[in-house]
């Protein structure tokens, strides 16, 4: 009787300890489930907030010239705020960290290093967000899940404009131009927008030089046919530099209440920065 009484007296204590252990295990499991749900929700959020071309970028290398004029004042992309340092040894098939650049202290010449970028992405990258998504970022680079990277914008450097600002957009060159819609500029891959295919290879290649320079040289070089001491830019030289720089086109963007005059538009297309030889076309 005595031994049985002692066992009965210990039973409530054992039951309480067992309940504590079960409760503790449930708490731990609950924490793991909550963490898993939070992580899954966060992953889903950054995935949904990142366009596919940012999530899974492919290497590209082309250029276009862009002029932005806000209420009569042209933005100077050659200023320090817009410029970025870059490796001069970029003649390889390595994907660069950021998709869009200005460098070499040059105005107008936009460098695109990831495939399928759009005008909306370029505007957001420098401070005008008309495409939504994450604040201060184009999205997350997620092609390597062990190294997910936040693709931040370069900065809010474009001048302040009203939310209902009017955009007048034109593509062309010294010989003529066409008016374009804001949605075309904002939403289309630049190859579609300019109607020209990049000559950068779609498959990874070891050297850009092997692909660009021989074909470019086939167009010939500047010919001083007028007898002047200085070089004359010929059509052949223009074609050579256009191919070397893989130039898709030129865009002029006016942000103002009223449409620009024909003279104002022509003046901008007559003021395109010259193309030059550079490492891998820059």
C-alpha atoms as a PDB file:
ATOM      1  CA  UNK A   1       0.000   0.000   0.000  1.00  0.00           C
ATOM      2  CA  UNK A   2       2.751   2.442   0.890  1.00  0.00           C
ATOM      3  CA  UNK A   3       4.670   1.862  -2.350  1.00  0.00           C
ATOM      4  CA  UNK A   4       1.518   2.258  -4.429  1.00  0.00           C
ATOM      5  CA  UNK A   5       0.631   5.507  -2.632  1.00  0.00           C
ATOM      6  CA  UNK A   6       4.074   6.970  -3.418  1.00  0.00           C
ATOM      7  CA  UNK A   7       3.713   6.171  -7.116  1.00  0.00           C
ATOM      8  CA  UNK A   8       0.245   7.779  -7.231  1.00  0.00           C
ATOM      9  CA  UNK A   9       1.616  10.911  -5.603  1.00  0.00           C
ATOM     10  CA  UNK A  10       4.353  11.251  -8.245  1.00  0.00           C
ATOM     11  CA  UNK A  11       1.977  10.809 -11.190  1.00  0.00           C
ATOM     12  CA  UNK A  12       0.664  14.429 -11.266  1.00  0.00           C
ATOM     13  CA  UNK A  13       4.237  15.750 -11.338  1.00  0.00           C
ATOM     14  CA  UNK A  14       5.149  13.485 -14.253  1.00  0.00           C
ATOM     15  CA  UNK A  15       2.012  14.499 -16.107  1.00  0.00           C
ATOM     16  CA  UNK A  16       2.815  18.183 -15.591  1.00  0.00           C
ATOM     17  CA  UNK A  17       6.378  17.687 -16.882  1.00  0.00           C
ATOM     18  CA  UNK A  18       5.066  15.797 -19.889  1.00  0.00           C
ATOM     19  CA  UNK A  19       2.611  18.590 -20.663  1.00  0.00           C
ATOM     20  CA  UNK A  20       5.408  21.164 -20.407  1.00  0.00           C
ATOM     21  CA  UNK A  21       7.556  19.189 -22.843  1.00  0.00           C
ATOM     22  CA  UNK A  22       4.673  18.800 -25.287  1.00  0.00           C
ATOM     23  CA  UNK A  23       3.875  22.506 -25.004  1.00  0.00           C
ATOM     24  CA  UNK A  24       7.534  23.405 -25.581  1.00  0.00           C
ATOM     25  CA  UNK A  25       7.726  21.152 -28.636  1.00  0.00           C
ATOM     26  CA  UNK A  26       4.549  22.744 -30.017  1.00  0.00           C
ATOM     27  CA  UNK A  27       6.000  26.215 -29.493  1.00  0.00           C
ATOM     28  CA  UNK A  28       9.229  25.256 -31.306  1.00  0.00           C
ATOM     29  CA  UNK A  29       7.269  23.717 -34.178  1.00  0.00           C
ATOM     30  CA  UNK A  30       5.052  26.814 -34.319  1.00  0.00           C
ATOM     31  CA  UNK A  31       8.104  29.062 -34.499  1.00  0.00           C
ATOM     32  CA  UNK A  32       9.583  26.986 -37.337  1.00  0.00           C
ATOM     33  CA  UNK A  33       6.274  27.077 -39.225  1.00  0.00           C
ATOM     34  CA  UNK A  34       5.972  30.851 -38.717  1.00  0.00           C
ATOM     35  CA  UNK A  35       9.548  31.391 -39.908  1.00  0.00           C
ATOM     36  CA  UNK A  36       8.933  29.155 -42.920  1.00  0.00           C
ATOM     37  CA  UNK A  37       5.693  30.975 -43.807  1.00  0.00           C
ATOM     38  CA  UNK A  38       7.384  34.371 -43.395  1.00  0.00           C
ATOM     39  CA  UNK A  39      10.359  33.288 -45.530  1.00  0.00           C
ATOM     40  CA  UNK A  40       8.075  31.829 -48.202  1.00  0.00           C
ATOM     41  CA  UNK A  41       5.913  34.968 -48.222  1.00  0.00           C
ATOM     42  CA  UNK A  42       8.976  37.209 -48.447  1.00  0.00           C
ATOM     43  CA  UNK A  43      10.453  35.105 -51.251  1.00  0.00           C
ATOM     44  CA  UNK A  44       7.135  35.218 -53.093  1.00  0.00           C
ATOM     45  CA  UNK A  45       6.986  38.995 -52.604  1.00  0.00           C
ATOM     46  CA  UNK A  46      10.470  39.722 -53.954  1.00  0.00           C
ATOM     47  CA  UNK A  47       9.878  37.244 -56.790  1.00  0.00           C
ATOM     48  CA  UNK A  48       6.610  38.898 -57.805  1.00  0.00           C
ATOM     49  CA  UNK A  49       8.146  42.381 -57.435  1.00  0.00           C
ATOM     50  CA  UNK A  50      11.075  41.572 -59.712  1.00  0.00           C
ATOM     51  CA  UNK A  51      10.607  41.426 -63.498  1.00  0.00           C
ATOM     52  CA  UNK A  52      11.942  38.259 -65.093  1.00  0.00           C
ATOM     53  CA  UNK A  53      14.733  40.196 -66.813  1.00  0.00           C
ATOM     54  CA  UNK A  54      15.948  41.297 -63.366  1.00  0.00           C
ATOM     55  CA  UNK A  55      15.354  37.957 -61.611  1.00  0.00           C
ATOM     56  CA  UNK A  56      17.192  36.000 -64.282  1.00  0.00           C
ATOM     57  CA  UNK A  57      19.426  38.440 -66.182  1.00  0.00           C
ATOM     58  CA  UNK A  58      21.233  37.648 -69.415  1.00  0.00           C
ATOM     59  CA  UNK A  59      24.319  39.481 -70.573  1.00  0.00           C
ATOM     60  CA  UNK A  60      23.924  42.162 -73.248  1.00  0.00           C
ATOM     61  CA  UNK A  61      26.046  45.079 -74.421  1.00  0.00           C
ATOM     62  CA  UNK A  62      24.557  47.812 -76.563  1.00  0.00           C
ATOM     63  CA  UNK A  63      24.093  51.582 -76.434  1.00  0.00           C
ATOM     64  CA  UNK A  64      21.694  54.328 -77.347  1.00  0.00           C
ATOM     65  CA  UNK A  65      21.878  58.107 -77.073  1.00  0.00           C
ATOM     66  CA  UNK A  66      19.304  59.750 -74.829  1.00  0.00           C
ATOM     67  CA  UNK A  67      18.546  63.426 -74.270  1.00  0.00           C
ATOM     68  CA  UNK A  68      16.066  64.539 -71.607  1.00  0.00           C
ATOM     69  CA  UNK A  69      14.818  68.129 -71.616  1.00  0.00           C
ATOM     70  CA  UNK A  70      12.657  69.258 -68.691  1.00  0.00           C
ATOM     71  CA  UNK A  71      10.909  72.597 -69.200  1.00  0.00           C
ATOM     72  CA  UNK A  72      13.585  73.726 -71.617  1.00  0.00           C
ATOM     73  CA  UNK A  73      16.606  72.561 -69.617  1.00  0.00           C
ATOM     74  CA  UNK A  74      18.612  69.606 -70.931  1.00  0.00           C
ATOM     75  CA  UNK A  75      19.825  67.120 -68.334  1.00  0.00           C
ATOM     76  CA  UNK A  76      23.583  66.537 -68.486  1.00  0.00           C
ATOM     77  CA  UNK A  77      24.265  62.831 -67.987  1.00  0.00           C
ATOM     78  CA  UNK A  78      27.977  63.556 -68.104  1.00  0.00           C
ATOM     79  CA  UNK A  79      27.755  65.028 -64.593  1.00  0.00           C
ATOM     80  CA  UNK A  80      29.279  63.093 -61.707  1.00  0.00           C
ATOM     81  CA  UNK A  81      25.922  62.052 -60.198  1.00  0.00           C
ATOM     82  CA  UNK A  82      25.099  59.932 -63.226  1.00  0.00           C
ATOM     83  CA  UNK A  83      28.543  58.490 -63.862  1.00  0.00           C
ATOM     84  CA  UNK A  84      29.780  55.108 -62.652  1.00  0.00           C
ATOM     85  CA  UNK A  85      33.192  53.533 -62.489  1.00  0.00           C
ATOM     86  CA  UNK A  86      33.641  50.414 -64.553  1.00  0.00           C
ATOM     87  CA  UNK A  87      36.306  47.880 -65.354  1.00  0.00           C
ATOM     88  CA  UNK A  88      38.224  48.626 -68.537  1.00  0.00           C
ATOM     89  CA  UNK A  89      38.740  44.869 -68.867  1.00  0.00           C
ATOM     90  CA  UNK A  90      35.140  44.104 -69.744  1.00  0.00           C
ATOM     91  CA  UNK A  91      35.719  42.232 -73.001  1.00  0.00           C
ATOM     92  CA  UNK A  92      34.417  38.961 -71.624  1.00  0.00           C
ATOM     93  CA  UNK A  93      31.225  37.049 -71.020  1.00  0.00           C
ATOM     94  CA  UNK A  94      30.841  37.982 -67.362  1.00  0.00           C
ATOM     95  CA  UNK A  95      27.531  39.517 -66.312  1.00  0.00           C
ATOM     96  CA  UNK A  96      28.185  42.944 -64.815  1.00  0.00           C
ATOM     97  CA  UNK A  97      26.608  43.877 -61.487  1.00  0.00           C
ATOM     98  CA  UNK A  98      24.253  46.625 -62.674  1.00  0.00           C
ATOM     99  CA  UNK A  99      22.256  46.670 -65.931  1.00  0.00           C
ATOM    100  CA  UNK A 100      22.478  50.363 -66.882  1.00  0.00           C
ATOM    101  CA  UNK A 101      25.384  52.831 -66.868  1.00  0.00           C
ATOM    102  CA  UNK A 102      26.741  56.169 -67.904  1.00  0.00           C
ATOM    103  CA  UNK A 103      30.518  56.384 -67.774  1.00  0.00           C
ATOM    104  CA  UNK A 104      33.683  57.952 -69.238  1.00  0.00           C
ATOM    105  CA  UNK A 105      32.166  61.370 -68.359  1.00  0.00           C
ATOM    106  CA  UNK A 106      30.047  61.218 -71.522  1.00  0.00           C
ATOM    107  CA  UNK A 107      26.625  62.793 -71.833  1.00  0.00           C
ATOM    108  CA  UNK A 108      23.765  61.057 -73.715  1.00  0.00           C
ATOM    109  CA  UNK A 109      25.414  57.653 -74.286  1.00  0.00           C
ATOM    110  CA  UNK A 110      23.474  55.042 -72.289  1.00  0.00           C
ATOM    111  CA  UNK A 111      25.220  51.712 -71.756  1.00  0.00           C
ATOM    112  CA  UNK A 112      22.941  48.673 -71.425  1.00  0.00           C
ATOM    113  CA  UNK A 113      24.519  45.491 -70.052  1.00  0.00           C
ATOM    114  CA  UNK A 114      21.501  43.263 -69.352  1.00  0.00           C
ATOM    115  CA  UNK A 115      19.088  41.989 -71.971  1.00  0.00           C
ATOM    116  CA  UNK A 116      15.513  43.277 -72.384  1.00  0.00           C
ATOM    117  CA  UNK A 117      15.811  46.569 -70.517  1.00  0.00           C
ATOM    118  CA  UNK A 118      13.089  49.187 -71.162  1.00  0.00           C
ATOM    119  CA  UNK A 119      12.712  52.958 -71.039  1.00  0.00           C
ATOM    120  CA  UNK A 120      10.684  52.575 -67.847  1.00  0.00           C
ATOM    121  CA  UNK A 121      13.596  50.790 -66.191  1.00  0.00           C
ATOM    122  CA  UNK A 122      16.064  53.452 -67.289  1.00  0.00           C
ATOM    123  CA  UNK A 123      13.834  56.239 -65.942  1.00  0.00           C
ATOM    124  CA  UNK A 124      13.329  54.426 -62.632  1.00  0.00           C
ATOM    125  CA  UNK A 125      17.055  53.723 -62.381  1.00  0.00           C
ATOM    126  CA  UNK A 126      17.703  57.464 -62.301  1.00  0.00           C
ATOM    127  CA  UNK A 127      14.703  58.609 -60.295  1.00  0.00           C
ATOM    128  CA  UNK A 128      11.429  58.577 -62.286  1.00  0.00           C
ATOM    129  CA  UNK A 129       9.350  55.547 -61.372  1.00  0.00           C
ATOM    130  CA  UNK A 130       6.526  54.937 -63.845  1.00  0.00           C
ATOM    131  CA  UNK A 131       6.676  51.139 -63.614  1.00  0.00           C
ATOM    132  CA  UNK A 132       5.995  50.544 -59.905  1.00  0.00           C
ATOM    133  CA  UNK A 133       7.649  47.634 -58.120  1.00  0.00           C
ATOM    134  CA  UNK A 134      10.056  47.930 -55.221  1.00  0.00           C
ATOM    135  CA  UNK A 135      11.033  51.319 -53.885  1.00  0.00           C
ATOM    136  CA  UNK A 136      14.541  52.350 -54.948  1.00  0.00           C
ATOM    137  CA  UNK A 137      15.223  49.050 -56.712  1.00  0.00           C
ATOM    138  CA  UNK A 138      14.540  47.373 -60.045  1.00  0.00           C
ATOM    139  CA  UNK A 139      14.074  44.103 -58.183  1.00  0.00           C
ATOM    140  CA  UNK A 140      16.118  41.134 -57.014  1.00  0.00           C
ATOM    141  CA  UNK A 141      18.593  39.134 -59.052  1.00  0.00           C
ATOM    142  CA  UNK A 142      17.645  35.533 -58.218  1.00  0.00           C
ATOM    143  CA  UNK A 143      19.375  33.330 -60.780  1.00  0.00           C
ATOM    144  CA  UNK A 144      21.668  32.135 -57.973  1.00  0.00           C
ATOM    145  CA  UNK A 145      19.493  31.376 -54.926  1.00  0.00           C
ATOM    146  CA  UNK A 146      22.577  31.123 -52.736  1.00  0.00           C
ATOM    147  CA  UNK A 147      23.399  34.730 -53.603  1.00  0.00           C
ATOM    148  CA  UNK A 148      20.192  36.736 -54.112  1.00  0.00           C
ATOM    149  CA  UNK A 149      21.135  40.344 -54.911  1.00  0.00           C
ATOM    150  CA  UNK A 150      19.169  43.564 -54.501  1.00  0.00           C
ATOM    151  CA  UNK A 151      19.413  45.472 -57.804  1.00  0.00           C
ATOM    152  CA  UNK A 152      19.186  49.006 -56.474  1.00  0.00           C
ATOM    153  CA  UNK A 153      18.590  52.087 -58.587  1.00  0.00           C
ATOM    154  CA  UNK A 154      21.528  54.399 -59.229  1.00  0.00           C
ATOM    155  CA  UNK A 155      19.807  57.294 -57.457  1.00  0.00           C
ATOM    156  CA  UNK A 156      17.072  59.926 -57.608  1.00  0.00           C
ATOM    157  CA  UNK A 157      18.941  62.342 -59.834  1.00  0.00           C
ATOM    158  CA  UNK A 158      16.456  63.255 -62.554  1.00  0.00           C
ATOM    159  CA  UNK A 159      14.748  66.602 -61.831  1.00  0.00           C
ATOM    160  CA  UNK A 160      11.420  66.662 -60.009  1.00  0.00           C
ATOM    161  CA  UNK A 161       8.352  66.596 -62.260  1.00  0.00           C
ATOM    162  CA  UNK A 162       4.613  66.474 -61.666  1.00  0.00           C
ATOM    163  CA  UNK A 163       2.889  63.082 -61.595  1.00  0.00           C
ATOM    164  CA  UNK A 164       0.784  64.146 -64.572  1.00  0.00           C
ATOM    165  CA  UNK A 165       3.754  65.578 -66.488  1.00  0.00           C
ATOM    166  CA  UNK A 166       3.486  65.453 -70.278  1.00  0.00           C
ATOM    167  CA  UNK A 167       6.123  63.524 -72.197  1.00  0.00           C
ATOM    168  CA  UNK A 168       6.952  64.173 -75.863  1.00  0.00           C
ATOM    169  CA  UNK A 169       9.235  61.445 -77.164  1.00  0.00           C
ATOM    170  CA  UNK A 170      11.063  61.221 -80.485  1.00  0.00           C
ATOM    171  CA  UNK A 171      13.490  58.800 -82.118  1.00  0.00           C
ATOM    172  CA  UNK A 172      15.681  59.541 -85.107  1.00  0.00           C
ATOM    173  CA  UNK A 173      18.907  61.224 -86.112  1.00  0.00           C
ATOM    174  CA  UNK A 174      20.183  64.182 -88.097  1.00  0.00           C
ATOM    175  CA  UNK A 175      18.258  63.055 -91.167  1.00  0.00           C
ATOM    176  CA  UNK A 176      14.789  62.817 -89.611  1.00  0.00           C
ATOM    177  CA  UNK A 177      12.718  61.787 -86.631  1.00  0.00           C
ATOM    178  CA  UNK A 178       9.446  60.147 -85.546  1.00  0.00           C
ATOM    179  CA  UNK A 179       7.181  60.860 -82.591  1.00  0.00           C
ATOM    180  CA  UNK A 180       6.698  57.932 -80.219  1.00  0.00           C
ATOM    181  CA  UNK A 181       4.207  57.141 -77.465  1.00  0.00           C
ATOM    182  CA  UNK A 182       5.151  57.213 -73.818  1.00  0.00           C
ATOM    183  CA  UNK A 183       3.909  53.635 -73.335  1.00  0.00           C
ATOM    184  CA  UNK A 184       6.157  52.371 -76.160  1.00  0.00           C
ATOM    185  CA  UNK A 185       9.136  54.007 -74.512  1.00  0.00           C
ATOM    186  CA  UNK A 186       8.194  52.871 -70.999  1.00  0.00           C
ATOM    187  CA  UNK A 187       7.299  49.245 -71.718  1.00  0.00           C
ATOM    188  CA  UNK A 188       9.234  47.979 -74.731  1.00  0.00           C
ATOM    189  CA  UNK A 189      12.563  46.224 -74.906  1.00  0.00           C
ATOM    190  CA  UNK A 190      14.950  48.706 -76.549  1.00  0.00           C
ATOM    191  CA  UNK A 191      15.515  46.410 -79.521  1.00  0.00           C
ATOM    192  CA  UNK A 192      11.767  46.569 -80.199  1.00  0.00           C
ATOM    193  CA  UNK A 193      11.533  50.265 -79.384  1.00  0.00           C
ATOM    194  CA  UNK A 194      14.312  51.284 -81.782  1.00  0.00           C
ATOM    195  CA  UNK A 195      13.473  48.558 -84.303  1.00  0.00           C
ATOM    196  CA  UNK A 196      17.075  47.369 -84.419  1.00  0.00           C
ATOM    197  CA  UNK A 197      18.612  44.111 -83.235  1.00  0.00           C
ATOM    198  CA  UNK A 198      21.691  44.224 -81.042  1.00  0.00           C
ATOM    199  CA  UNK A 199      24.757  42.687 -82.670  1.00  0.00           C
ATOM    200  CA  UNK A 200      25.840  41.302 -79.323  1.00  0.00           C
ATOM    201  CA  UNK A 201      25.735  37.487 -79.369  1.00  0.00           C
ATOM    202  CA  UNK A 202      22.810  35.759 -77.720  1.00  0.00           C
ATOM    203  CA  UNK A 203      24.987  32.854 -76.650  1.00  0.00           C
ATOM    204  CA  UNK A 204      27.868  33.513 -74.238  1.00  0.00           C
ATOM    205  CA  UNK A 205      31.118  34.294 -76.020  1.00  0.00           C
ATOM    206  CA  UNK A 206      34.616  34.754 -74.670  1.00  0.00           C
ATOM    207  CA  UNK A 207      35.346  38.040 -76.381  1.00  0.00           C
ATOM    208  CA  UNK A 208      33.230  40.906 -77.629  1.00  0.00           C
ATOM    209  CA  UNK A 209      36.166  42.173 -79.666  1.00  0.00           C
ATOM    210  CA  UNK A 210      36.141  39.100 -81.903  1.00  0.00           C
ATOM    211  CA  UNK A 211      32.522  39.793 -82.770  1.00  0.00           C
ATOM    212  CA  UNK A 212      32.411  43.557 -83.102  1.00  0.00           C
ATOM    213  CA  UNK A 213      35.770  44.736 -84.395  1.00  0.00           C
ATOM    214  CA  UNK A 214      36.250  42.613 -87.534  1.00  0.00           C
ATOM    215  CA  UNK A 215      32.771  43.396 -88.853  1.00  0.00           C
ATOM    216  CA  UNK A 216      33.139  47.058 -87.960  1.00  0.00           C
ATOM    217  CA  UNK A 217      36.496  47.341 -89.720  1.00  0.00           C
ATOM    218  CA  UNK A 218      34.929  45.937 -92.870  1.00  0.00           C
ATOM    219  CA  UNK A 219      33.023  49.206 -93.254  1.00  0.00           C
ATOM    220  CA  UNK A 220      36.267  51.123 -93.689  1.00  0.00           C
ATOM    221  CA  UNK A 221      37.671  54.143 -91.862  1.00  0.00           C
ATOM    222  CA  UNK A 222      37.503  57.917 -92.139  1.00  0.00           C
ATOM    223  CA  UNK A 223      38.522  59.216 -95.523  1.00  0.00           C
ATOM    224  CA  UNK A 224      40.020  62.709 -95.788  1.00  0.00           C
ATOM    225  CA  UNK A 225      38.803  63.129 -99.347  1.00  0.00           C
ATOM    226  CA  UNK A 226      38.354  66.892 -99.214  1.00  0.00           C
ATOM    227  CA  UNK A 227      42.076  67.578 -98.866  1.00  0.00           C
ATOM    228  CA  UNK A 228      41.684  69.199 -95.453  1.00  0.00           C
ATOM    229  CA  UNK A 229      44.298  68.430 -92.808  1.00  0.00           C
ATOM    230  CA  UNK A 230      41.689  67.035 -90.401  1.00  0.00           C
ATOM    231  CA  UNK A 231      39.708  63.806 -90.794  1.00  0.00           C
ATOM    232  CA  UNK A 232      36.290  63.872 -92.398  1.00  0.00           C
ATOM    233  CA  UNK A 233      33.525  61.677 -91.013  1.00  0.00           C
ATOM    234  CA  UNK A 234      32.234  59.624 -93.925  1.00  0.00           C
ATOM    235  CA  UNK A 235      29.209  57.389 -94.149  1.00  0.00           C
ATOM    236  CA  UNK A 236      31.521  54.384 -93.929  1.00  0.00           C
ATOM    237  CA  UNK A 237      33.095  55.736 -90.741  1.00  0.00           C
ATOM    238  CA  UNK A 238      29.688  56.459 -89.234  1.00  0.00           C
ATOM    239  CA  UNK A 239      28.611  52.894 -90.003  1.00  0.00           C
ATOM    240  CA  UNK A 240      31.821  51.515 -88.522  1.00  0.00           C
ATOM    241  CA  UNK A 241      31.434  53.452 -85.270  1.00  0.00           C
ATOM    242  CA  UNK A 242      27.727  52.642 -85.068  1.00  0.00           C
ATOM    243  CA  UNK A 243      28.498  48.939 -85.290  1.00  0.00           C
ATOM    244  CA  UNK A 244      31.510  49.118 -82.982  1.00  0.00           C
ATOM    245  CA  UNK A 245      29.434  50.872 -80.340  1.00  0.00           C
ATOM    246  CA  UNK A 246      26.453  48.602 -81.074  1.00  0.00           C
ATOM    247  CA  UNK A 247      24.267  51.707 -81.214  1.00  0.00           C
ATOM    248  CA  UNK A 248      20.553  50.925 -81.437  1.00  0.00           C
ATOM    249  CA  UNK A 249      19.338  54.488 -81.911  1.00  0.00           C
ATOM    250  CA  UNK A 250      18.711  57.921 -80.419  1.00  0.00           C
ATOM    251  CA  UNK A 251      15.834  59.167 -78.276  1.00  0.00           C
ATOM    252  CA  UNK A 252      14.931  62.738 -77.316  1.00  0.00           C
ATOM    253  CA  UNK A 253      12.474  63.225 -74.448  1.00  0.00           C
ATOM    254  CA  UNK A 254      10.821  66.579 -73.750  1.00  0.00           C
ATOM    255  CA  UNK A 255       8.947  66.969 -70.452  1.00  0.00           C
ATOM    256  CA  UNK A 256       6.842  70.124 -70.669  1.00  0.00           C
ATOM    257  CA  UNK A 257       3.279  71.381 -70.955  1.00  0.00           C
ATOM    258  CA  UNK A 258       3.209  72.017 -74.696  1.00  0.00           C
ATOM    259  CA  UNK A 259       4.644  70.035 -77.583  1.00  0.00           C
ATOM    260  CA  UNK A 260       8.119  71.190 -78.661  1.00  0.00           C
ATOM    261  CA  UNK A 261       8.564  73.035 -81.923  1.00  0.00           C
ATOM    262  CA  UNK A 262      10.000  71.350 -84.994  1.00  0.00           C
ATOM    263  CA  UNK A 263      13.098  73.527 -84.683  1.00  0.00           C
ATOM    264  CA  UNK A 264      13.573  72.489 -81.043  1.00  0.00           C
ATOM    265  CA  UNK A 265      13.357  68.801 -81.960  1.00  0.00           C
ATOM    266  CA  UNK A 266      15.735  69.130 -84.917  1.00  0.00           C
ATOM    267  CA  UNK A 267      18.204  71.041 -82.776  1.00  0.00           C
ATOM    268  CA  UNK A 268      18.489  68.092 -80.395  1.00  0.00           C
ATOM    269  CA  UNK A 269      18.995  65.546 -83.155  1.00  0.00           C
ATOM    270  CA  UNK A 270      21.649  67.834 -84.618  1.00  0.00           C
ATOM    271  CA  UNK A 271      23.394  67.820 -81.233  1.00  0.00           C
ATOM    272  CA  UNK A 272      24.121  64.116 -80.810  1.00  0.00           C
ATOM    273  CA  UNK A 273      27.408  63.309 -79.074  1.00  0.00           C
ATOM    274  CA  UNK A 274      29.902  61.792 -81.529  1.00  0.00           C
ATOM    275  CA  UNK A 275      30.738  58.097 -81.375  1.00  0.00           C
ATOM    276  CA  UNK A 276      34.338  57.128 -80.737  1.00  0.00           C
ATOM    277  CA  UNK A 277      36.474  54.028 -80.670  1.00  0.00           C
ATOM    278  CA  UNK A 278      36.591  52.552 -77.183  1.00  0.00           C
ATOM    279  CA  UNK A 279      37.231  49.333 -75.306  1.00  0.00           C
ATOM    280  CA  UNK A 280      34.674  46.808 -76.605  1.00  0.00           C
ATOM    281  CA  UNK A 281      32.589  49.742 -77.735  1.00  0.00           C
ATOM    282  CA  UNK A 282      32.380  50.970 -74.134  1.00  0.00           C
END
